[in-house]
PDB file of all heavy atoms in Angstrom:
ATOM      1  N   GLY A   1      65.006 -80.790 -73.757  1.00  0.00           N
ATOM      2  CA  GLY A   1      66.273 -80.725 -74.454  1.00  0.00           C
ATOM      3  C   GLY A   1      66.193 -81.206 -75.892  1.00  0.00           C
ATOM      4  O   GLY A   1      67.197 -81.548 -76.510  1.00  0.00           O
ATOM      5  N   GLN A   2      64.986 -81.188 -76.498  1.00  0.00           N
ATOM      6  CA  GLN A   2      64.812 -81.687 -77.857  1.00  0.00           C
ATOM      7  C   GLN A   2      64.348 -80.576 -78.803  1.00  0.00           C
ATOM      8  O   GLN A   2      63.651 -79.657 -78.405  1.00  0.00           O
ATOM      9  CB  GLN A   2      63.792 -82.829 -77.884  1.00  0.00           C
ATOM     10  CG  GLN A   2      64.272 -84.076 -77.182  1.00  0.00           C
ATOM     11  CD  GLN A   2      63.263 -85.215 -77.340  1.00  0.00           C
ATOM     12  OE1 GLN A   2      62.109 -84.995 -77.625  1.00  0.00           O
ATOM     13  NE2 GLN A   2      63.731 -86.443 -77.146  1.00  0.00           N
ATOM     14  N   VAL A   3      64.733 -80.730 -80.061  1.00  0.00           N
ATOM     15  CA  VAL A   3      64.231 -79.855 -81.122  1.00  0.00           C
ATOM     16  C   VAL A   3      64.219 -80.631 -82.419  1.00  0.00           C
ATOM     17  O   VAL A   3      65.099 -81.470 -82.651  1.00  0.00           O
ATOM     18  CB  VAL A   3      65.122 -78.582 -81.276  1.00  0.00           C
ATOM     19  CG1 VAL A   3      66.556 -78.918 -81.620  1.00  0.00           C
ATOM     20  CG2 VAL A   3      64.522 -77.624 -82.305  1.00  0.00           C
ATOM     21  N   THR A   4      63.208 -80.404 -83.253  1.00  0.00           N
ATOM     22  CA  THR A   4      63.149 -81.030 -84.577  1.00  0.00           C
ATOM     23  C   THR A   4      63.345 -79.929 -85.636  1.00  0.00           C
ATOM     24  O   THR A   4      62.639 -78.929 -85.636  1.00  0.00           O
ATOM     25  CB  THR A   4      61.794 -81.720 -84.803  1.00  0.00           C
ATOM     26  OG1 THR A   4      61.657 -82.773 -83.824  1.00  0.00           O
ATOM     27  CG2 THR A   4      61.728 -82.327 -86.211  1.00  0.00           C
ATOM     28  N   ILE A   5      64.350 -80.128 -86.464  1.00  0.00           N
ATOM     29  CA  ILE A   5      64.645 -79.166 -87.524  1.00  0.00           C
ATOM     30  C   ILE A   5      64.256 -79.782 -88.856  1.00  0.00           C
ATOM     31  O   ILE A   5      64.737 -80.881 -89.212  1.00  0.00           O
ATOM     32  CB  ILE A   5      66.157 -78.787 -87.521  1.00  0.00           C
ATOM     33  CG1 ILE A   5      66.533 -78.213 -86.133  1.00  0.00           C
ATOM     34  CG2 ILE A   5      66.478 -77.766 -88.622  1.00  0.00           C
ATOM     35  CD1 ILE A   5      68.007 -77.918 -85.971  1.00  0.00           C
ATOM     36  N   HIS A   6      63.382 -79.103 -89.588  1.00  0.00           N
ATOM     37  CA  HIS A   6      62.869 -79.636 -90.849  1.00  0.00           C
ATOM     38  C   HIS A   6      63.615 -79.060 -92.066  1.00  0.00           C
ATOM     39  O   HIS A   6      64.404 -78.141 -91.937  1.00  0.00           O
ATOM     40  CB  HIS A   6      61.362 -79.314 -90.976  1.00  0.00           C
ATOM     41  CG  HIS A   6      60.538 -79.897 -89.868  1.00  0.00           C
ATOM     42  ND1 HIS A   6      60.184 -81.218 -89.809  1.00  0.00           N
ATOM     43  CD2 HIS A   6      60.025 -79.314 -88.750  1.00  0.00           C
ATOM     44  CE1 HIS A   6      59.457 -81.440 -88.717  1.00  0.00           C
ATOM     45  NE2 HIS A   6      59.369 -80.269 -88.044  1.00  0.00           N
ATOM     46  N   SER A   7      63.298 -79.671 -93.241  1.00  0.00           N
ATOM     47  CA  SER A   7      63.770 -79.137 -94.530  1.00  0.00           C
ATOM     48  C   SER A   7      65.286 -79.081 -94.630  1.00  0.00           C
ATOM     49  O   SER A   7      65.865 -78.157 -95.193  1.00  0.00           O
ATOM     50  CB  SER A   7      63.158 -77.760 -94.828  1.00  0.00           C
ATOM     51  OG  SER A   7      61.751 -77.842 -94.796  1.00  0.00           O
ATOM     52  N   ILE A   8      65.961 -80.103 -94.076  1.00  0.00           N
ATOM     53  CA  ILE A   8      67.398 -80.191 -94.212  1.00  0.00           C
ATOM     54  C   ILE A   8      67.718 -80.899 -95.528  1.00  0.00           C
ATOM     55  O   ILE A   8      67.218 -82.017 -95.759  1.00  0.00           O
ATOM     56  CB  ILE A   8      68.007 -80.990 -93.044  1.00  0.00           C
ATOM     57  CG1 ILE A   8      67.638 -80.343 -91.703  1.00  0.00           C
ATOM     58  CG2 ILE A   8      69.528 -81.066 -93.174  1.00  0.00           C
ATOM     59  CD1 ILE A   8      68.054 -81.150 -90.471  1.00  0.00           C
ATOM     60  N   PRO A   9      68.490 -80.289 -96.420  1.00  0.00           N
ATOM     61  CA  PRO A   9      68.823 -80.971 -97.684  1.00  0.00           C
ATOM     62  C   PRO A   9      69.533 -82.302 -97.415  1.00  0.00           C
ATOM     63  O   PRO A   9      70.279 -82.436 -96.452  1.00  0.00           O
ATOM     64  CB  PRO A   9      69.762 -79.970 -98.376  1.00  0.00           C
ATOM     65  CG  PRO A   9      69.416 -78.646 -97.767  1.00  0.00           C
ATOM     66  CD  PRO A   9      69.054 -78.945 -96.352  1.00  0.00           C
ATOM     67  N   VAL A  10      69.254 -83.274 -98.251  1.00  0.00           N
ATOM     68  CA  VAL A  10      69.918 -84.578 -98.104  1.00  0.00           C
ATOM     69  C   VAL A  10      71.434 -84.386 -98.153  1.00  0.00           C
ATOM     70  O   VAL A  10      71.959 -83.623 -98.969  1.00  0.00           O
ATOM     71  CB  VAL A  10      69.450 -85.549 -99.226  1.00  0.00           C
ATOM     72  CG1 VAL A  10      70.328 -86.807 -99.272  1.00  0.00           C
ATOM     73  CG2 VAL A  10      67.999 -85.901 -99.014  1.00  0.00           C
ATOM     74  N   GLY A  11      72.145 -85.062 -97.253  1.00  0.00           N
ATOM     75  CA  GLY A  11      73.601 -84.942 -97.192  1.00  0.00           C
ATOM     76  C   GLY A  11      74.077 -85.316 -95.798  1.00  0.00           C
ATOM     77  O   GLY A  11      73.327 -85.876 -94.989  1.00  0.00           O
ATOM     78  N   SER A  12      75.338 -85.040 -95.496  1.00  0.00           N
ATOM     79  CA  SER A  12      75.918 -85.314 -94.187  1.00  0.00           C
ATOM     80  C   SER A  12      76.286 -84.012 -93.511  1.00  0.00           C
ATOM     81  O   SER A  12      76.871 -83.122 -94.136  1.00  0.00           O
ATOM     82  CB  SER A  12      77.148 -86.218 -94.319  1.00  0.00           C
ATOM     83  OG  SER A  12      76.754 -87.510 -94.760  1.00  0.00           O
ATOM     84  N   TYR A  13      75.934 -83.895 -92.252  1.00  0.00           N
ATOM     85  CA  TYR A  13      76.107 -82.644 -91.541  1.00  0.00           C
ATOM     86  C   TYR A  13      76.585 -82.900 -90.098  1.00  0.00           C
ATOM     87  O   TYR A  13      76.317 -83.938 -89.505  1.00  0.00           O
ATOM     88  CB  TYR A  13      74.774 -81.848 -91.460  1.00  0.00           C
ATOM     89  CG  TYR A  13      74.177 -81.532 -92.804  1.00  0.00           C
ATOM     90  CD1 TYR A  13      73.264 -82.417 -93.365  1.00  0.00           C
ATOM     91  CD2 TYR A  13      74.509 -80.381 -93.495  1.00  0.00           C
ATOM     92  CE1 TYR A  13      72.701 -82.154 -94.605  1.00  0.00           C
ATOM     93  CE2 TYR A  13      73.941 -80.107 -94.734  1.00  0.00           C
ATOM     94  CZ  TYR A  13      73.048 -80.993 -95.284  1.00  0.00           C
ATOM     95  OH  TYR A  13      72.477 -80.714 -96.508  1.00  0.00           O
ATOM     96  N   THR A  14      77.243 -81.893 -89.562  1.00  0.00           N
ATOM     97  CA  THR A  14      77.439 -81.841 -88.107  1.00  0.00           C
ATOM     98  C   THR A  14      76.458 -80.812 -87.554  1.00  0.00           C
ATOM     99  O   THR A  14      76.012 -79.888 -88.239  1.00  0.00           O
ATOM    100  CB  THR A  14      78.884 -81.430 -87.724  1.00  0.00           C
ATOM    101  OG1 THR A  14      79.200 -80.171 -88.341  1.00  0.00           O
ATOM    102  CG2 THR A  14      79.877 -82.494 -88.184  1.00  0.00           C
ATOM    103  N   PHE A  15      76.116 -81.022 -86.290  1.00  0.00           N
ATOM    104  CA  PHE A  15      75.123 -80.181 -85.636  1.00  0.00           C
ATOM    105  C   PHE A  15      75.808 -79.609 -84.379  1.00  0.00           C
ATOM    106  O   PHE A  15      76.468 -80.332 -83.623  1.00  0.00           O
ATOM    107  CB  PHE A  15      73.878 -80.982 -85.243  1.00  0.00           C
ATOM    108  CG  PHE A  15      73.180 -81.574 -86.428  1.00  0.00           C
ATOM    109  CD1 PHE A  15      73.603 -82.753 -86.972  1.00  0.00           C
ATOM    110  CD2 PHE A  15      72.102 -80.909 -86.995  1.00  0.00           C
ATOM    111  CE1 PHE A  15      72.966 -83.304 -88.082  1.00  0.00           C
ATOM    112  CE2 PHE A  15      71.461 -81.437 -88.096  1.00  0.00           C
ATOM    113  CZ  PHE A  15      71.912 -82.645 -88.653  1.00  0.00           C
ATOM    114  N   THR A  16      75.638 -78.325 -84.158  1.00  0.00           N
ATOM    115  CA  THR A  16      76.311 -77.656 -83.033  1.00  0.00           C
ATOM    116  C   THR A  16      75.265 -77.090 -82.079  1.00  0.00           C
ATOM    117  O   THR A  16      74.314 -76.430 -82.482  1.00  0.00           O
ATOM    118  CB  THR A  16      77.223 -76.509 -83.547  1.00  0.00           C
ATOM    119  OG1 THR A  16      78.224 -77.076 -84.399  1.00  0.00           O
ATOM    120  CG2 THR A  16      77.889 -75.781 -82.388  1.00  0.00           C
ATOM    121  N   ALA A  17      75.488 -77.364 -80.794  1.00  0.00           N
ATOM    122  CA  ALA A  17      74.569 -76.880 -79.738  1.00  0.00           C
ATOM    123  C   ALA A  17      75.302 -75.874 -78.855  1.00  0.00           C
ATOM    124  O   ALA A  17      76.454 -76.104 -78.443  1.00  0.00           O
ATOM    125  CB  ALA A  17      74.057 -78.035 -78.890  1.00  0.00           C
ATOM    126  N   THR A  18      74.648 -74.740 -78.580  1.00  0.00           N
ATOM    127  CA  THR A  18      75.236 -73.706 -77.719  1.00  0.00           C
ATOM    128  C   THR A  18      74.171 -73.161 -76.786  1.00  0.00           C
ATOM    129  O   THR A  18      72.987 -73.139 -77.111  1.00  0.00           O
ATOM    130  CB  THR A  18      75.808 -72.553 -78.549  1.00  0.00           C
ATOM    131  OG1 THR A  18      74.781 -71.979 -79.354  1.00  0.00           O
ATOM    132  CG2 THR A  18      76.954 -73.015 -79.432  1.00  0.00           C
ATOM    133  N   LYS A  19      74.618 -72.679 -75.642  1.00  0.00           N
ATOM    134  CA  LYS A  19      73.752 -71.932 -74.716  1.00  0.00           C
ATOM    135  C   LYS A  19      74.646 -71.196 -73.726  1.00  0.00           C
ATOM    136  O   LYS A  19      75.708 -71.681 -73.324  1.00  0.00           O
ATOM    137  CB  LYS A  19      72.848 -72.918 -73.922  1.00  0.00           C
ATOM    138  CG  LYS A  19      71.866 -72.170 -73.020  1.00  0.00           C
ATOM    139  CD  LYS A  19      70.951 -73.125 -72.247  1.00  0.00           C
ATOM    140  CE  LYS A  19      70.004 -72.313 -71.352  1.00  0.00           C
ATOM    141  NZ  LYS A  19      69.098 -73.171 -70.560  1.00  0.00           N
ATOM    142  N   ALA A  20      74.232 -69.975 -73.378  1.00  0.00           N
ATOM    143  CA  ALA A  20      75.002 -69.182 -72.425  1.00  0.00           C
ATOM    144  C   ALA A  20      75.146 -69.969 -71.129  1.00  0.00           C
ATOM    145  O   ALA A  20      74.164 -70.547 -70.624  1.00  0.00           O
ATOM    146  CB  ALA A  20      74.297 -67.858 -72.155  1.00  0.00           C
ATOM    147  N   GLY A  21      76.363 -70.010 -70.600  1.00  0.00           N
ATOM    148  CA  GLY A  21      76.611 -70.743 -69.371  1.00  0.00           C
ATOM    149  C   GLY A  21      77.045 -72.169 -69.592  1.00  0.00           C
ATOM    150  O   GLY A  21      77.297 -72.900 -68.642  1.00  0.00           O
ATOM    151  N   TYR A  22      77.154 -72.570 -70.854  1.00  0.00           N
ATOM    152  CA  TYR A  22      77.600 -73.923 -71.203  1.00  0.00           C
ATOM    153  C   TYR A  22      78.712 -73.802 -72.245  1.00  0.00           C
ATOM    154  O   TYR A  22      78.790 -72.857 -73.012  1.00  0.00           O
ATOM    155  CB  TYR A  22      76.450 -74.717 -71.831  1.00  0.00           C
ATOM    156  CG  TYR A  22      75.337 -75.064 -70.900  1.00  0.00           C
ATOM    157  CD1 TYR A  22      74.377 -74.131 -70.553  1.00  0.00           C
ATOM    158  CD2 TYR A  22      75.231 -76.340 -70.318  1.00  0.00           C
ATOM    159  CE1 TYR A  22      73.322 -74.457 -69.693  1.00  0.00           C
ATOM    160  CE2 TYR A  22      74.178 -76.656 -69.475  1.00  0.00           C
ATOM    161  CZ  TYR A  22      73.240 -75.710 -69.158  1.00  0.00           C
ATOM    162  OH  TYR A  22      72.216 -76.036 -68.304  1.00  0.00           O
ATOM    163  N   THR A  23      79.569 -74.830 -72.279  1.00  0.00           N
ATOM    164  CA  THR A  23      80.551 -74.960 -73.347  1.00  0.00           C
ATOM    165  C   THR A  23      79.908 -75.725 -74.482  1.00  0.00           C
ATOM    166  O   THR A  23      79.461 -76.864 -74.304  1.00  0.00           O
ATOM    167  CB  THR A  23      81.797 -75.733 -72.868  1.00  0.00           C
ATOM    168  OG1 THR A  23      82.379 -74.964 -71.776  1.00  0.00           O
ATOM    169  CG2 THR A  23      82.808 -75.842 -73.977  1.00  0.00           C
ATOM    170  N   GLY A  24      79.810 -75.060 -75.666  1.00  0.00           N
ATOM    171  CA  GLY A  24      79.136 -75.678 -76.799  1.00  0.00           C
ATOM    172  C   GLY A  24      79.856 -76.937 -77.300  1.00  0.00           C
ATOM    173  O   GLY A  24      81.025 -77.173 -77.001  1.00  0.00           O
ATOM    174  N   ALA A  25      79.117 -77.740 -78.077  1.00  0.00           N
ATOM    175  CA  ALA A  25      79.690 -78.968 -78.638  1.00  0.00           C
ATOM    176  C   ALA A  25      79.013 -79.286 -79.955  1.00  0.00           C
ATOM    177  O   ALA A  25      77.921 -78.780 -80.239  1.00  0.00           O
ATOM    178  CB  ALA A  25      79.523 -80.124 -77.668  1.00  0.00           C
ATOM    179  N   SER A  26      79.699 -80.105 -80.752  1.00  0.00           N
ATOM    180  CA  SER A  26      79.168 -80.512 -82.059  1.00  0.00           C
ATOM    181  C   SER A  26      79.043 -82.015 -82.122  1.00  0.00           C
ATOM    182  O   SER A  26      79.789 -82.759 -81.464  1.00  0.00           O
ATOM    183  CB  SER A  26      80.077 -80.034 -83.196  1.00  0.00           C
ATOM    184  OG  SER A  26      80.106 -78.619 -83.234  1.00  0.00           O
TER     185      SER A  26
END
């Protein structure tokens, strides 16, 4: 259930997770 996302510009962000069969969340 893990992922590393690189090269994100400095700042503040929300992250959203989705998958078929699940209700997504941020």
